[in-house]
Amino acid sequence: MPGSSPRGCSASPLLDNDPVSEEKPICSAKGCRADAVWVLAWNNPKLHTPERRKTWLACEEHREHLSQFLGVRGFLKDVVPFADWESAADGPGSAADR
């Protein structure tokens, strides 16, 4: 999911600015190094077309906190288990914008 992770996004103090490791997806919460268990799909309607989905990764501990952060801004579109998201990405018609 290169280029779509919140790492490097300076919009939130909640998030790390470290590069994402493709080998072991980790939680996007600042300072967290736990394995990603959830994918939070979001979209900023002022910047993105309606079908576009950006993604943040979350461990079990930070899922609710990151969801609330996106939710109060009206950005959160979906919360999906990481394994399901990866399965969908491998299938036909997978989303390229992650």
PDB file of N, CA and C in Angstrom:
ATOM      1  N   MET A   1       0.812  -1.181   0.000  1.00  0.00           N
ATOM      2  CA  MET A   1       0.000   0.000   0.000  1.00  0.00           C
ATOM      3  C   MET A   1       0.862   1.254   0.000  1.00  0.00           C
ATOM      4  N   PRO A   2       1.875   1.332  -0.821  1.00  0.00           N
ATOM      5  CA  PRO A   2       2.739   2.494  -0.837  1.00  0.00           C
ATOM      6  C   PRO A   2       1.997   3.739  -1.272  1.00  0.00           C
ATOM      7  N   GLY A   3       2.361   4.855  -0.654  1.00  0.00           N
ATOM      8  CA  GLY A   3       1.810   6.133  -1.037  1.00  0.00           C
ATOM      9  C   GLY A   3       0.462   6.460  -0.436  1.00  0.00           C
ATOM     10  N   SER A   4      -0.177   5.522   0.234  1.00  0.00           N
ATOM     11  CA  SER A   4      -1.497   5.819   0.771  1.00  0.00           C
ATOM     12  C   SER A   4      -1.539   5.757   2.282  1.00  0.00           C
ATOM     13  N   SER A   5      -0.474   5.346   2.879  1.00  0.00           N
ATOM     14  CA  SER A   5      -0.423   5.266   4.323  1.00  0.00           C
ATOM     15  C   SER A   5      -0.323   6.652   4.916  1.00  0.00           C
ATOM     16  N   PRO A   6      -0.842   6.837   6.116  1.00  0.00           N
ATOM     17  CA  PRO A   6      -0.738   8.149   6.738  1.00  0.00           C
ATOM     18  C   PRO A   6       0.672   8.497   7.161  1.00  0.00           C
ATOM     19  N   ARG A   7       1.568   7.552   7.159  1.00  0.00           N
ATOM     20  CA  ARG A   7       2.952   7.869   7.498  1.00  0.00           C
ATOM     21  C   ARG A   7       3.466   8.834   6.448  1.00  0.00           C
ATOM     22  N   GLY A   8       3.985   9.943   6.916  1.00  0.00           N
ATOM     23  CA  GLY A   8       4.427  10.964   5.987  1.00  0.00           C
ATOM     24  C   GLY A   8       3.386  12.047   5.801  1.00  0.00           C
ATOM     25  N   CYS A   9       2.174  11.802   6.239  1.00  0.00           N
ATOM     26  CA  CYS A   9       1.121  12.804   6.179  1.00  0.00           C
ATOM     27  C   CYS A   9       1.228  13.679   7.419  1.00  0.00           C
ATOM     28  N   SER A  10       1.485  14.952   7.231  1.00  0.00           N
ATOM     29  CA  SER A  10       1.693  15.823   8.385  1.00  0.00           C
ATOM     30  C   SER A  10       0.394  16.378   8.947  1.00  0.00           C
ATOM     31  N   ALA A  11      -0.742  15.929   8.437  1.00  0.00           N
ATOM     32  CA  ALA A  11      -2.026  16.470   8.853  1.00  0.00           C
ATOM     33  C   ALA A  11      -2.415  16.075  10.271  1.00  0.00           C
ATOM     34  N   SER A  12      -1.829  15.042  10.817  1.00  0.00           N
ATOM     35  CA  SER A  12      -2.255  14.570  12.122  1.00  0.00           C
ATOM     36  C   SER A  12      -1.077  14.250  13.023  1.00  0.00           C
ATOM     37  N   PRO A  13      -1.117  14.755  14.257  1.00  0.00           N
ATOM     38  CA  PRO A  13      -0.086  14.388  15.216  1.00  0.00           C
ATOM     39  C   PRO A  13      -0.259  12.964  15.731  1.00  0.00           C
ATOM     40  N   LEU A  14      -1.343  12.296  15.331  1.00  0.00           N
ATOM     41  CA  LEU A  14      -1.604  10.926  15.769  1.00  0.00           C
ATOM     42  C   LEU A  14      -0.761   9.914  15.017  1.00  0.00           C
ATOM     43  N   LEU A  15      -0.161  10.338  13.923  1.00  0.00           N
ATOM     44  CA  LEU A  15       0.456   9.392  13.006  1.00  0.00           C
ATOM     45  C   LEU A  15       1.960   9.548  12.951  1.00  0.00           C
ATOM     46  N   ASP A  16       2.611   8.418  12.693  1.00  0.00           N
ATOM     47  CA  ASP A  16       4.060   8.383  12.534  1.00  0.00           C
ATOM     48  C   ASP A  16       4.455   8.895  11.164  1.00  0.00           C
ATOM     49  N   ASN A  17       5.662   9.368  11.038  1.00  0.00           N
ATOM     50  CA  ASN A  17       6.181   9.798   9.753  1.00  0.00           C
ATOM     51  C   ASN A  17       7.239   8.839   9.235  1.00  0.00           C
ATOM     52  N   ASP A  18       7.331   7.644   9.820  1.00  0.00           N
ATOM     53  CA  ASP A  18       8.296   6.652   9.377  1.00  0.00           C
ATOM     54  C   ASP A  18       7.810   6.000   8.095  1.00  0.00           C
ATOM     55  N   PRO A  19       8.730   5.551   7.252  1.00  0.00           N
ATOM     56  CA  PRO A  19       8.309   4.836   6.043  1.00  0.00           C
ATOM     57  C   PRO A  19       7.595   3.534   6.394  1.00  0.00           C
ATOM     58  N   VAL A  20       6.704   3.129   5.540  1.00  0.00           N
ATOM     59  CA  VAL A  20       5.942   1.895   5.753  1.00  0.00           C
ATOM     60  C   VAL A  20       6.768   0.714   5.273  1.00  0.00           C
ATOM     61  N   SER A  21       6.786  -0.333   6.064  1.00  0.00           N
ATOM     62  CA  SER A  21       7.449  -1.566   5.665  1.00  0.00           C
ATOM     63  C   SER A  21       6.441  -2.443   4.943  1.00  0.00           C
ATOM     64  N   GLU A  22       6.753  -2.842   3.738  1.00  0.00           N
ATOM     65  CA  GLU A  22       5.859  -3.720   2.985  1.00  0.00           C
ATOM     66  C   GLU A  22       5.909  -5.140   3.514  1.00  0.00           C
ATOM     67  N   GLU A  23       6.972  -5.499   4.235  1.00  0.00           N
ATOM     68  CA  GLU A  23       7.122  -6.854   4.732  1.00  0.00           C
ATOM     69  C   GLU A  23       6.205  -7.130   5.918  1.00  0.00           C
ATOM     70  N   LYS A  24       6.058  -6.186   6.800  1.00  0.00           N
ATOM     71  CA  LYS A  24       5.258  -6.367   8.004  1.00  0.00           C
ATOM     72  C   LYS A  24       4.424  -5.113   8.230  1.00  0.00           C
ATOM     73  N   PRO A  25       3.182  -5.108   7.764  1.00  0.00           N
ATOM     74  CA  PRO A  25       2.341  -3.929   7.943  1.00  0.00           C
ATOM     75  C   PRO A  25       2.122  -3.650   9.428  1.00  0.00           C
ATOM     76  N   ILE A  26       2.372  -2.425   9.830  1.00  0.00           N
ATOM     77  CA  ILE A  26       2.208  -2.054  11.232  1.00  0.00           C
ATOM     78  C   ILE A  26       1.189  -0.936  11.369  1.00  0.00           C
ATOM     79  N   CYS A  27       0.732  -0.760  12.573  1.00  0.00           N
ATOM     80  CA  CYS A  27      -0.272   0.238  12.911  1.00  0.00           C
ATOM     81  C   CYS A  27       0.226   1.636  12.548  1.00  0.00           C
ATOM     82  N   SER A  28      -0.687   2.469  12.079  1.00  0.00           N
ATOM     83  CA  SER A  28      -0.354   3.828  11.675  1.00  0.00           C
ATOM     84  C   SER A  28      -0.339   4.822  12.834  1.00  0.00           C
ATOM     85  N   ALA A  29      -0.786   4.414  14.014  1.00  0.00           N
ATOM     86  CA  ALA A  29      -0.793   5.324  15.158  1.00  0.00           C
ATOM     87  C   ALA A  29       0.641   5.695  15.528  1.00  0.00           C
ATOM     88  N   LYS A  30       0.837   6.939  15.870  1.00  0.00           N
ATOM     89  CA  LYS A  30       2.171   7.439  16.192  1.00  0.00           C
ATOM     90  C   LYS A  30       2.830   6.612  17.285  1.00  0.00           C
ATOM     91  N   GLY A  31       4.026   6.147  16.993  1.00  0.00           N
ATOM     92  CA  GLY A  31       4.814   5.406  17.970  1.00  0.00           C
ATOM     93  C   GLY A  31       4.460   3.943  18.115  1.00  0.00           C
ATOM     94  N   CYS A  32       3.398   3.507  17.489  1.00  0.00           N
ATOM     95  CA  CYS A  32       2.973   2.110  17.613  1.00  0.00           C
ATOM     96  C   CYS A  32       3.724   1.249  16.603  1.00  0.00           C
ATOM     97  N   ARG A  33       4.174   0.099  17.050  1.00  0.00           N
ATOM     98  CA  ARG A  33       4.872  -0.844  16.176  1.00  0.00           C
ATOM     99  C   ARG A  33       4.160  -2.193  16.124  1.00  0.00           C
ATOM    100  N   ALA A  34       2.908  -2.215  16.585  1.00  0.00           N
ATOM    101  CA  ALA A  34       2.131  -3.453  16.592  1.00  0.00           C
ATOM    102  C   ALA A  34       1.697  -3.812  15.168  1.00  0.00           C
ATOM    103  N   ASP A  35       1.483  -5.090  14.950  1.00  0.00           N
ATOM    104  CA  ASP A  35       1.009  -5.562  13.651  1.00  0.00           C
ATOM    105  C   ASP A  35      -0.347  -4.949  13.326  1.00  0.00           C
ATOM    106  N   ALA A  36      -0.541  -4.618  12.065  1.00  0.00           N
ATOM    107  CA  ALA A  36      -1.831  -4.106  11.608  1.00  0.00           C
ATOM    108  C   ALA A  36      -2.841  -5.245  11.574  1.00  0.00           C
ATOM    109  N   VAL A  37      -4.013  -4.992  12.123  1.00  0.00           N
ATOM    110  CA  VAL A  37      -5.093  -5.968  12.140  1.00  0.00           C
ATOM    111  C   VAL A  37      -6.293  -5.431  11.346  1.00  0.00           C
ATOM    112  N   TRP A  38      -6.380  -4.122  11.236  1.00  0.00           N
ATOM    113  CA  TRP A  38      -7.509  -3.460  10.599  1.00  0.00           C
ATOM    114  C   TRP A  38      -7.042  -2.495   9.518  1.00  0.00           C
ATOM    115  N   VAL A  39      -7.877  -2.314   8.508  1.00  0.00           N
ATOM    116  CA  VAL A  39      -7.677  -1.280   7.495  1.00  0.00           C
ATOM    117  C   VAL A  39      -8.828  -0.291   7.637  1.00  0.00           C
ATOM    118  N   LEU A  40      -8.488   0.978   7.789  1.00  0.00           N
ATOM    119  CA  LEU A  40      -9.482   2.041   7.848  1.00  0.00           C
ATOM    120  C   LEU A  40      -9.454   2.743   6.500  1.00  0.00           C
ATOM    121  N   ALA A  41     -10.504   2.556   5.732  1.00  0.00           N
ATOM    122  CA  ALA A  41     -10.603   3.178   4.412  1.00  0.00           C
ATOM    123  C   ALA A  41     -11.279   4.527   4.585  1.00  0.00           C
ATOM    124  N   TRP A  42     -10.683   5.560   4.006  1.00  0.00           N
ATOM    125  CA  TRP A  42     -11.216   6.895   4.187  1.00  0.00           C
ATOM    126  C   TRP A  42     -11.084   7.711   2.908  1.00  0.00           C
ATOM    127  N   ASN A  43     -11.711   8.866   2.934  1.00  0.00           N
ATOM    128  CA  ASN A  43     -11.746   9.741   1.789  1.00  0.00           C
ATOM    129  C   ASN A  43     -12.045  11.152   2.284  1.00  0.00           C
ATOM    130  N   ASN A  44     -11.269  12.115   1.845  1.00  0.00           N
ATOM    131  CA  ASN A  44     -11.556  13.521   2.147  1.00  0.00           C
ATOM    132  C   ASN A  44     -12.327  14.064   0.947  1.00  0.00           C
ATOM    133  N   PRO A  45     -13.632  14.309   1.095  1.00  0.00           N
ATOM    134  CA  PRO A  45     -14.445  14.715  -0.052  1.00  0.00           C
ATOM    135  C   PRO A  45     -14.020  16.044  -0.667  1.00  0.00           C
ATOM    136  N   LYS A  46     -13.273  16.847   0.071  1.00  0.00           N
ATOM    137  CA  LYS A  46     -12.792  18.114  -0.499  1.00  0.00           C
ATOM    138  C   LYS A  46     -11.599  17.905  -1.429  1.00  0.00           C
ATOM    139  N   LEU A  47     -10.940  16.750  -1.292  1.00  0.00           N
ATOM    140  CA  LEU A  47      -9.738  16.479  -2.081  1.00  0.00           C
ATOM    141  C   LEU A  47      -9.867  15.304  -3.036  1.00  0.00           C
ATOM    142  N   HIS A  48     -10.704  14.329  -2.687  1.00  0.00           N
ATOM    143  CA  HIS A  48     -10.755  13.068  -3.421  1.00  0.00           C
ATOM    144  C   HIS A  48     -12.096  12.859  -4.103  1.00  0.00           C
ATOM    145  N   THR A  49     -12.065  12.134  -5.216  1.00  0.00           N
ATOM    146  CA  THR A  49     -13.310  11.747  -5.865  1.00  0.00           C
ATOM    147  C   THR A  49     -14.029  10.761  -4.940  1.00  0.00           C
ATOM    148  N   PRO A  50     -15.344  10.642  -5.053  1.00  0.00           N
ATOM    149  CA  PRO A  50     -16.112   9.797  -4.121  1.00  0.00           C
ATOM    150  C   PRO A  50     -15.672   8.339  -4.060  1.00  0.00           C
ATOM    151  N   GLU A  51     -15.209   7.774  -5.179  1.00  0.00           N
ATOM    152  CA  GLU A  51     -14.830   6.362  -5.169  1.00  0.00           C
ATOM    153  C   GLU A  51     -13.414   6.113  -4.651  1.00  0.00           C
ATOM    154  N   ARG A  52     -12.598   7.146  -4.524  1.00  0.00           N
ATOM    155  CA  ARG A  52     -11.216   6.960  -4.067  1.00  0.00           C
ATOM    156  C   ARG A  52     -11.170   6.587  -2.593  1.00  0.00           C
ATOM    157  N   ARG A  53     -10.283   5.676  -2.235  1.00  0.00           N
ATOM    158  CA  ARG A  53     -10.101   5.277  -0.840  1.00  0.00           C
ATOM    159  C   ARG A  53      -8.631   5.345  -0.469  1.00  0.00           C
ATOM    160  N   LYS A  54      -8.347   6.129   0.529  1.00  0.00           N
ATOM    161  CA  LYS A  54      -7.039   6.160   1.154  1.00  0.00           C
ATOM    162  C   LYS A  54      -7.124   5.178   2.319  1.00  0.00           C
ATOM    163  N   THR A  55      -5.990   4.718   2.836  1.00  0.00           N
ATOM    164  CA  THR A  55      -6.044   3.745   3.917  1.00  0.00           C
ATOM    165  C   THR A  55      -5.081   4.071   5.034  1.00  0.00           C
ATOM    166  N   TRP A  56      -5.515   3.790   6.236  1.00  0.00           N
ATOM    167  CA  TRP A  56      -4.682   3.771   7.426  1.00  0.00           C
ATOM    168  C   TRP A  56      -4.756   2.355   7.974  1.00  0.00           C
ATOM    169  N   LEU A  57      -3.694   1.927   8.601  1.00  0.00           N
ATOM    170  CA  LEU A  57      -3.663   0.613   9.241  1.00  0.00           C
ATOM    171  C   LEU A  57      -3.768   0.789  10.742  1.00  0.00           C
ATOM    172  N   ALA A  58      -4.410  -0.167  11.411  1.00  0.00           N
ATOM    173  CA  ALA A  58      -4.585  -0.066  12.856  1.00  0.00           C
ATOM    174  C   ALA A  58      -4.417  -1.415  13.529  1.00  0.00           C
ATOM    175  N   CYS A  59      -3.803  -1.374  14.704  1.00  0.00           N
ATOM    176  CA  CYS A  59      -3.774  -2.557  15.561  1.00  0.00           C
ATOM    177  C   CYS A  59      -5.094  -2.573  16.329  1.00  0.00           C
ATOM    178  N   GLU A  60      -5.317  -3.628  17.083  1.00  0.00           N
ATOM    179  CA  GLU A  60      -6.563  -3.730  17.848  1.00  0.00           C
ATOM    180  C   GLU A  60      -6.701  -2.561  18.823  1.00  0.00           C
ATOM    181  N   GLU A  61      -5.604  -2.194  19.474  1.00  0.00           N
ATOM    182  CA  GLU A  61      -5.634  -1.127  20.484  1.00  0.00           C
ATOM    183  C   GLU A  61      -5.984   0.246  19.907  1.00  0.00           C
ATOM    184  N   HIS A  62      -5.540   0.552  18.698  1.00  0.00           N
ATOM    185  CA  HIS A  62      -5.720   1.895  18.138  1.00  0.00           C
ATOM    186  C   HIS A  62      -6.859   2.014  17.122  1.00  0.00           C
ATOM    187  N   ARG A  63      -7.516   0.910  16.839  1.00  0.00           N
ATOM    188  CA  ARG A  63      -8.588   0.948  15.838  1.00  0.00           C
ATOM    189  C   ARG A  63      -9.664   1.982  16.162  1.00  0.00           C
ATOM    190  N   GLU A  64     -10.155   1.965  17.367  1.00  0.00           N
ATOM    191  CA  GLU A  64     -11.233   2.887  17.740  1.00  0.00           C
ATOM    192  C   GLU A  64     -10.765   4.340  17.713  1.00  0.00           C
ATOM    193  N   HIS A  65      -9.587   4.592  18.228  1.00  0.00           N
ATOM    194  CA  HIS A  65      -9.057   5.964  18.276  1.00  0.00           C
ATOM    195  C   HIS A  65      -8.881   6.548  16.872  1.00  0.00           C
ATOM    196  N   LEU A  66      -8.266   5.783  15.977  1.00  0.00           N
ATOM    197  CA  LEU A  66      -8.071   6.264  14.618  1.00  0.00           C
ATOM    198  C   LEU A  66      -9.405   6.378  13.881  1.00  0.00           C
ATOM    199  N   SER A  67     -10.321   5.460  14.145  1.00  0.00           N
ATOM    200  CA  SER A  67     -11.655   5.518  13.530  1.00  0.00           C
ATOM    201  C   SER A  67     -12.389   6.777  13.960  1.00  0.00           C
ATOM    202  N   GLN A  68     -12.299   7.105  15.234  1.00  0.00           N
ATOM    203  CA  GLN A  68     -12.956   8.318  15.729  1.00  0.00           C
ATOM    204  C   GLN A  68     -12.353   9.571  15.108  1.00  0.00           C
ATOM    205  N   PHE A  69     -11.027   9.594  14.990  1.00  0.00           N
ATOM    206  CA  PHE A  69     -10.348  10.735  14.387  1.00  0.00           C
ATOM    207  C   PHE A  69     -10.883  10.992  12.971  1.00  0.00           C
ATOM    208  N   LEU A  70     -10.982   9.928  12.173  1.00  0.00           N
ATOM    209  CA  LEU A  70     -11.496  10.070  10.811  1.00  0.00           C
ATOM    210  C   LEU A  70     -13.001  10.314  10.809  1.00  0.00           C
ATOM    211  N   GLY A  71     -13.709   9.650  11.710  1.00  0.00           N
ATOM    212  CA  GLY A  71     -15.166   9.745  11.750  1.00  0.00           C
ATOM    213  C   GLY A  71     -15.686  11.131  12.059  1.00  0.00           C
ATOM    214  N   VAL A  72     -15.084  11.821  13.013  1.00  0.00           N
ATOM    215  CA  VAL A  72     -15.582  13.150  13.369  1.00  0.00           C
ATOM    216  C   VAL A  72     -15.386  14.146  12.231  1.00  0.00           C
ATOM    217  N   ARG A  73     -14.480  13.851  11.330  1.00  0.00           N
ATOM    218  CA  ARG A  73     -14.244  14.706  10.171  1.00  0.00           C
ATOM    219  C   ARG A  73     -15.089  14.291   8.964  1.00  0.00           C
ATOM    220  N   GLY A  74     -15.827  13.194   9.117  1.00  0.00           N
ATOM    221  CA  GLY A  74     -16.652  12.688   8.026  1.00  0.00           C
ATOM    222  C   GLY A  74     -15.845  11.989   6.944  1.00  0.00           C
ATOM    223  N   PHE A  75     -14.631  11.530   7.272  1.00  0.00           N
ATOM    224  CA  PHE A  75     -13.749  10.906   6.289  1.00  0.00           C
ATOM    225  C   PHE A  75     -13.867   9.385   6.272  1.00  0.00           C
ATOM    226  N   LEU A  76     -14.202   8.766   7.392  1.00  0.00           N
ATOM    227  CA  LEU A  76     -14.193   7.307   7.495  1.00  0.00           C
ATOM    228  C   LEU A  76     -15.284   6.693   6.633  1.00  0.00           C
ATOM    229  N   LYS A  77     -14.871   5.758   5.775  1.00  0.00           N
ATOM    230  CA  LYS A  77     -15.824   5.082   4.888  1.00  0.00           C
ATOM    231  C   LYS A  77     -16.031   3.625   5.266  1.00  0.00           C
ATOM    232  N   ASP A  78     -14.976   2.962   5.760  1.00  0.00           N
ATOM    233  CA  ASP A  78     -15.098   1.543   6.061  1.00  0.00           C
ATOM    234  C   ASP A  78     -13.966   1.102   6.973  1.00  0.00           C
ATOM    235  N   VAL A  79     -14.245   0.108   7.809  1.00  0.00           N
ATOM    236  CA  VAL A  79     -13.229  -0.538   8.644  1.00  0.00           C
ATOM    237  C   VAL A  79     -13.313  -2.025   8.338  1.00  0.00           C
ATOM    238  N   VAL A  80     -12.198  -2.579   7.859  1.00  0.00           N
ATOM    239  CA  VAL A  80     -12.179  -3.950   7.353  1.00  0.00           C
ATOM    240  C   VAL A  80     -11.000  -4.695   7.976  1.00  0.00           C
ATOM    241  N   PRO A  81     -11.185  -5.955   8.364  1.00  0.00           N
ATOM    242  CA  PRO A  81     -10.028  -6.725   8.825  1.00  0.00           C
ATOM    243  C   PRO A  81      -8.934  -6.736   7.750  1.00  0.00           C
ATOM    244  N   PHE A  82      -7.700  -6.594   8.169  1.00  0.00           N
ATOM    245  CA  PHE A  82      -6.577  -6.515   7.250  1.00  0.00           C
ATOM    246  C   PHE A  82      -6.534  -7.711   6.300  1.00  0.00           C
ATOM    247  N   ALA A  83      -6.762  -8.905   6.818  1.00  0.00           N
ATOM    248  CA  ALA A  83      -6.721 -10.116   5.985  1.00  0.00           C
ATOM    249  C   ALA A  83      -7.770 -10.055   4.875  1.00  0.00           C
ATOM    250  N   ASP A  84      -8.968  -9.542   5.177  1.00  0.00           N
ATOM    251  CA  ASP A  84     -10.023  -9.427   4.168  1.00  0.00           C
ATOM    252  C   ASP A  84      -9.641  -8.395   3.108  1.00  0.00           C
ATOM    253  N   TRP A  85      -9.038  -7.300   3.538  1.00  0.00           N
ATOM    254  CA  TRP A  85      -8.621  -6.236   2.621  1.00  0.00           C
ATOM    255  C   TRP A  85      -7.567  -6.770   1.648  1.00  0.00           C
ATOM    256  N   GLU A  86      -6.612  -7.519   2.185  1.00  0.00           N
ATOM    257  CA  GLU A  86      -5.559  -8.094   1.348  1.00  0.00           C
ATOM    258  C   GLU A  86      -6.134  -9.096   0.360  1.00  0.00           C
ATOM    259  N   SER A  87      -7.093  -9.905   0.807  1.00  0.00           N
ATOM    260  CA  SER A  87      -7.736 -10.874  -0.084  1.00  0.00           C
ATOM    261  C   SER A  87      -8.454 -10.166  -1.220  1.00  0.00           C
ATOM    262  N   ALA A  88      -9.149  -9.098  -0.904  1.00  0.00           N
ATOM    263  CA  ALA A  88      -9.866  -8.332  -1.926  1.00  0.00           C
ATOM    264  C   ALA A  88      -8.892  -7.667  -2.885  1.00  0.00           C
ATOM    265  N   ALA A  89      -7.752  -7.230  -2.378  1.00  0.00           N
ATOM    266  CA  ALA A  89      -6.753  -6.565  -3.227  1.00  0.00           C
ATOM    267  C   ALA A  89      -6.132  -7.541  -4.221  1.00  0.00           C
ATOM    268  N   ASP A  90      -6.083  -8.804  -3.867  1.00  0.00           N
ATOM    269  CA  ASP A  90      -5.494  -9.812  -4.739  1.00  0.00           C
ATOM    270  C   ASP A  90      -6.471 -10.313  -5.799  1.00  0.00           C
ATOM    271  N   GLY A  91      -7.747 -10.040  -5.589  1.00  0.00           N
ATOM    272  CA  GLY A  91      -8.760 -10.565  -6.502  1.00  0.00           C
ATOM    273  C   GLY A  91      -9.003  -9.666  -7.696  1.00  0.00           C
ATOM    274  N   PRO A  92      -9.882 -10.103  -8.599  1.00  0.00           N
ATOM    275  CA  PRO A  92     -10.207  -9.302  -9.772  1.00  0.00           C
ATOM    276  C   PRO A  92     -10.918  -8.021  -9.369  1.00  0.00           C
ATOM    277  N   GLY A  93     -10.608  -6.946 -10.073  1.00  0.00           N
ATOM    278  CA  GLY A  93     -11.238  -5.657  -9.783  1.00  0.00           C
ATOM    279  C   GLY A  93     -10.728  -5.025  -8.527  1.00  0.00           C
ATOM    280  N   SER A  94      -9.513  -5.375  -8.110  1.00  0.00           N
ATOM    281  CA  SER A  94      -8.968  -4.839  -6.865  1.00  0.00           C
ATOM    282  C   SER A  94      -8.718  -3.344  -6.991  1.00  0.00           C
ATOM    283  N   ALA A  95      -8.831  -2.671  -5.856  1.00  0.00           N
ATOM    284  CA  ALA A  95      -8.603  -1.230  -5.829  1.00  0.00           C
ATOM    285  C   ALA A  95      -7.124  -0.933  -5.954  1.00  0.00           C
ATOM    286  N   ALA A  96      -6.780  -0.077  -6.858  1.00  0.00           N
ATOM    287  CA  ALA A  96      -5.360   0.262  -7.077  1.00  0.00           C
ATOM    288  C   ALA A  96      -4.932   1.430  -6.232  1.00  0.00           C
ATOM    289  N   ASP A  97      -5.862   2.208  -5.715  1.00  0.00           N
ATOM    290  CA  ASP A  97      -5.519   3.438  -5.006  1.00  0.00           C
ATOM    291  C   ASP A  97      -5.480   3.209  -3.505  1.00  0.00           C
ATOM    292  N   ARG A  98      -4.414   2.579  -3.036  1.00  0.00           N
ATOM    293  CA  ARG A  98      -4.312   2.350  -1.606  1.00  0.00           C
ATOM    294  C   ARG A  98      -3.041   2.929  -1.111  1.00  0.00           C
TER     295      ARG A  98
END
